[in-house]
């Protein structure tokens, strides 16, 4: 009698353990899906907004180069000045590239390790 009760409890514990394992696996699948979708959405939004910003920057650069060129009576000088400004911005970004890692990692870590709602 005690053996049958022990056997029944062991079977019940095994069922509970299997259910827990399945629930945990489903939870982590959902968490991975949530993280993947959030990452994809941020990348998609970033791509669209970056593309719009790039188009705006191109048109503003051309307009600025023409305006500077007309003031200096040389369109090529205007374009060279705008190109030089971009070169300075590029050099600053290149020099500061390592200091950008920590804030980016911190931001993505917040999303990865956030508590579920």
C-alpha atoms as a PDB file:
ATOM      1  CA  UNK A   1       0.000   0.000   0.000  1.00  0.00           C
ATOM      2  CA  UNK A   2       2.752   2.434   0.881  1.00  0.00           C
ATOM      3  CA  UNK A   3       4.634   1.294  -2.196  1.00  0.00           C
ATOM      4  CA  UNK A   4       1.609   2.007  -4.454  1.00  0.00           C
ATOM      5  CA  UNK A   5       1.227   5.482  -2.928  1.00  0.00           C
ATOM      6  CA  UNK A   6       4.935   6.178  -3.428  1.00  0.00           C
ATOM      7  CA  UNK A   7       4.708   4.934  -7.007  1.00  0.00           C
ATOM      8  CA  UNK A   8       1.694   7.167  -7.678  1.00  0.00           C
ATOM      9  CA  UNK A   9       3.434  10.235  -6.224  1.00  0.00           C
ATOM     10  CA  UNK A  10       6.552   9.537  -8.291  1.00  0.00           C
ATOM     11  CA  UNK A  11       4.430   9.330 -11.454  1.00  0.00           C
ATOM     12  CA  UNK A  12       2.676  12.563 -10.479  1.00  0.00           C
ATOM     13  CA  UNK A  13       6.009  14.282  -9.843  1.00  0.00           C
ATOM     14  CA  UNK A  14       7.277  13.087 -13.226  1.00  0.00           C
ATOM     15  CA  UNK A  15       4.170  14.515 -14.963  1.00  0.00           C
ATOM     16  CA  UNK A  16       4.582  17.815 -13.135  1.00  0.00           C
ATOM     17  CA  UNK A  17       8.238  17.966 -14.107  1.00  0.00           C
ATOM     18  CA  UNK A  18       7.410  17.335 -17.771  1.00  0.00           C
ATOM     19  CA  UNK A  19       4.704  20.018 -17.707  1.00  0.00           C
ATOM     20  CA  UNK A  20       7.136  22.447 -16.105  1.00  0.00           C
ATOM     21  CA  UNK A  21       9.748  21.677 -18.761  1.00  0.00           C
ATOM     22  CA  UNK A  22       7.258  22.214 -21.573  1.00  0.00           C
ATOM     23  CA  UNK A  23       5.969  25.456 -20.031  1.00  0.00           C
ATOM     24  CA  UNK A  24       9.536  26.718 -19.581  1.00  0.00           C
ATOM     25  CA  UNK A  25      10.415  25.862 -23.176  1.00  0.00           C
ATOM     26  CA  UNK A  26       7.325  27.691 -24.465  1.00  0.00           C
ATOM     27  CA  UNK A  27       8.115  30.680 -22.272  1.00  0.00           C
ATOM     28  CA  UNK A  28      11.640  30.969 -23.631  1.00  0.00           C
ATOM     29  CA  UNK A  29      10.416  30.541 -27.206  1.00  0.00           C
ATOM     30  CA  UNK A  30       7.977  33.401 -26.689  1.00  0.00           C
ATOM     31  CA  UNK A  31      10.665  35.524 -25.040  1.00  0.00           C
ATOM     32  CA  UNK A  32      13.045  34.879 -27.972  1.00  0.00           C
ATOM     33  CA  UNK A  33      10.274  35.720 -30.447  1.00  0.00           C
ATOM     34  CA  UNK A  34       9.500  38.938 -28.577  1.00  0.00           C
ATOM     35  CA  UNK A  35      13.168  39.931 -28.584  1.00  0.00           C
ATOM     36  CA  UNK A  36      13.582  39.069 -32.274  1.00  0.00           C
ATOM     37  CA  UNK A  37      10.471  41.006 -33.294  1.00  0.00           C
ATOM     38  CA  UNK A  38      11.436  44.022 -31.189  1.00  0.00           C
ATOM     39  CA  UNK A  39      14.891  44.007 -32.779  1.00  0.00           C
ATOM     40  CA  UNK A  40      13.429  43.680 -36.265  1.00  0.00           C
ATOM     41  CA  UNK A  41      10.988  46.536 -35.658  1.00  0.00           C
ATOM     42  CA  UNK A  42      13.745  48.807 -34.358  1.00  0.00           C
ATOM     43  CA  UNK A  43      15.894  47.958 -37.368  1.00  0.00           C
ATOM     44  CA  UNK A  44      13.009  48.560 -39.788  1.00  0.00           C
ATOM     45  CA  UNK A  45      12.109  51.887 -38.162  1.00  0.00           C
ATOM     46  CA  UNK A  46      15.762  52.878 -38.094  1.00  0.00           C
ATOM     47  CA  UNK A  47      16.166  52.013 -41.771  1.00  0.00           C
ATOM     48  CA  UNK A  48      13.096  54.028 -42.830  1.00  0.00           C
ATOM     49  CA  UNK A  49      13.975  57.020 -40.674  1.00  0.00           C
ATOM     50  CA  UNK A  50      17.626  56.838 -41.712  1.00  0.00           C
ATOM     51  CA  UNK A  51      16.674  56.736 -45.383  1.00  0.00           C
ATOM     52  CA  UNK A  52      14.424  59.786 -45.017  1.00  0.00           C
ATOM     53  CA  UNK A  53      17.144  61.598 -43.084  1.00  0.00           C
ATOM     54  CA  UNK A  54      19.697  60.695 -45.763  1.00  0.00           C
ATOM     55  CA  UNK A  55      17.488  62.093 -48.531  1.00  0.00           C
ATOM     56  CA  UNK A  56      16.930  65.266 -46.535  1.00  0.00           C
ATOM     57  CA  UNK A  57      20.640  65.618 -45.892  1.00  0.00           C
ATOM     58  CA  UNK A  58      21.446  65.158 -49.587  1.00  0.00           C
ATOM     59  CA  UNK A  59      19.020  67.877 -50.662  1.00  0.00           C
ATOM     60  CA  UNK A  60      20.152  70.243 -47.918  1.00  0.00           C
ATOM     61  CA  UNK A  61      23.792  69.613 -48.827  1.00  0.00           C
ATOM     62  CA  UNK A  62      23.236  70.366 -52.492  1.00  0.00           C
ATOM     63  CA  UNK A  63      21.230  73.489 -51.650  1.00  0.00           C
ATOM     64  CA  UNK A  64      23.864  74.628 -49.150  1.00  0.00           C
ATOM     65  CA  UNK A  65      26.692  73.982 -51.608  1.00  0.00           C
ATOM     66  CA  UNK A  66      24.935  76.009 -54.289  1.00  0.00           C
ATOM     67  CA  UNK A  67      24.232  78.853 -51.843  1.00  0.00           C
ATOM     68  CA  UNK A  68      27.851  78.938 -50.636  1.00  0.00           C
ATOM     69  CA  UNK A  69      29.095  78.646 -54.229  1.00  0.00           C
ATOM     70  CA  UNK A  70      26.944  81.579 -55.403  1.00  0.00           C
ATOM     71  CA  UNK A  71      28.191  83.738 -52.529  1.00  0.00           C
ATOM     72  CA  UNK A  72      31.793  82.908 -53.378  1.00  0.00           C
ATOM     73  CA  UNK A  73      31.243  83.114 -57.157  1.00  0.00           C
ATOM     74  CA  UNK A  74      32.457  79.519 -57.542  1.00  0.00           C
ATOM     75  CA  UNK A  75      30.150  76.524 -57.334  1.00  0.00           C
ATOM     76  CA  UNK A  76      33.058  74.129 -56.982  1.00  0.00           C
ATOM     77  CA  UNK A  77      34.268  75.995 -53.876  1.00  0.00           C
ATOM     78  CA  UNK A  78      30.811  75.672 -52.346  1.00  0.00           C
ATOM     79  CA  UNK A  79      30.776  71.922 -52.946  1.00  0.00           C
ATOM     80  CA  UNK A  80      34.319  71.580 -51.586  1.00  0.00           C
ATOM     81  CA  UNK A  81      33.362  73.419 -48.399  1.00  0.00           C
ATOM     82  CA  UNK A  82      30.339  71.150 -47.862  1.00  0.00           C
ATOM     83  CA  UNK A  83      32.480  68.069 -48.564  1.00  0.00           C
ATOM     84  CA  UNK A  84      35.082  69.339 -46.099  1.00  0.00           C
ATOM     85  CA  UNK A  85      32.394  69.766 -43.446  1.00  0.00           C
ATOM     86  CA  UNK A  86      31.321  66.153 -43.995  1.00  0.00           C
ATOM     87  CA  UNK A  87      34.929  65.041 -43.768  1.00  0.00           C
ATOM     88  CA  UNK A  88      35.286  66.775 -40.381  1.00  0.00           C
ATOM     89  CA  UNK A  89      32.077  65.105 -39.134  1.00  0.00           C
ATOM     90  CA  UNK A  90      33.349  61.730 -40.382  1.00  0.00           C
ATOM     91  CA  UNK A  91      36.696  62.172 -38.638  1.00  0.00           C
ATOM     92  CA  UNK A  92      34.968  63.091 -35.363  1.00  0.00           C
ATOM     93  CA  UNK A  93      32.707  60.033 -35.619  1.00  0.00           C
ATOM     94  CA  UNK A  94      35.724  57.845 -36.388  1.00  0.00           C
ATOM     95  CA  UNK A  95      37.633  59.152 -33.390  1.00  0.00           C
ATOM     96  CA  UNK A  96      34.631  58.701 -31.077  1.00  0.00           C
ATOM     97  CA  UNK A  97      33.533  55.286 -32.422  1.00  0.00           C
ATOM     98  CA  UNK A  98      34.811  53.357 -29.404  1.00  0.00           C
ATOM     99  CA  UNK A  99      32.974  55.591 -26.939  1.00  0.00           C
ATOM    100  CA  UNK A 100      29.689  54.824 -28.734  1.00  0.00           C
ATOM    101  CA  UNK A 101      29.815  51.110 -27.831  1.00  0.00           C
ATOM    102  CA  UNK A 102      28.890  51.426 -24.155  1.00  0.00           C
ATOM    103  CA  UNK A 103      25.645  53.423 -24.612  1.00  0.00           C
ATOM    104  CA  UNK A 104      24.507  51.134 -27.430  1.00  0.00           C
ATOM    105  CA  UNK A 105      25.240  47.979 -25.426  1.00  0.00           C
ATOM    106  CA  UNK A 106      23.504  49.446 -22.391  1.00  0.00           C
ATOM    107  CA  UNK A 107      20.374  50.256 -24.406  1.00  0.00           C
ATOM    108  CA  UNK A 108      20.132  46.800 -25.981  1.00  0.00           C
ATOM    109  CA  UNK A 109      20.837  45.157 -22.618  1.00  0.00           C
ATOM    110  CA  UNK A 110      17.771  46.934 -21.210  1.00  0.00           C
ATOM    111  CA  UNK A 111      15.619  45.312 -23.889  1.00  0.00           C
ATOM    112  CA  UNK A 112      17.191  41.883 -23.546  1.00  0.00           C
ATOM    113  CA  UNK A 113      17.069  41.680 -19.756  1.00  0.00           C
ATOM    114  CA  UNK A 114      13.843  43.580 -19.161  1.00  0.00           C
ATOM    115  CA  UNK A 115      11.256  42.040 -16.893  1.00  0.00           C
ATOM    116  CA  UNK A 116       8.163  40.725 -18.627  1.00  0.00           C
ATOM    117  CA  UNK A 117       4.998  42.717 -18.279  1.00  0.00           C
END
